[in-house]
Amino acid sequence: MTDFTKYKNVSLTKEIARKIDKLSNELVPHVRLSRSKVIEIIVNEKLSNFYKSKEI
């Protein structure tokens, strides 16, 4: 059963869902990732780059 204290839902347009599905096959070679994992990887990567750009 889903632990509702750990997860949130998001709504995506069909176009964005298709793009995420395409990325799910390309981010990690020979592995198909879930949509949530693709979003997690992209958000973490963007935040990492954002914080790096703020460093002095």
Foldseek 3Di string as FASTA:
>chain_A
DDDVVVDDDDDDDPVVVVVLQVVQPPPDDPGRDDSVVSVVVVVVVVVVVVVVVVDD
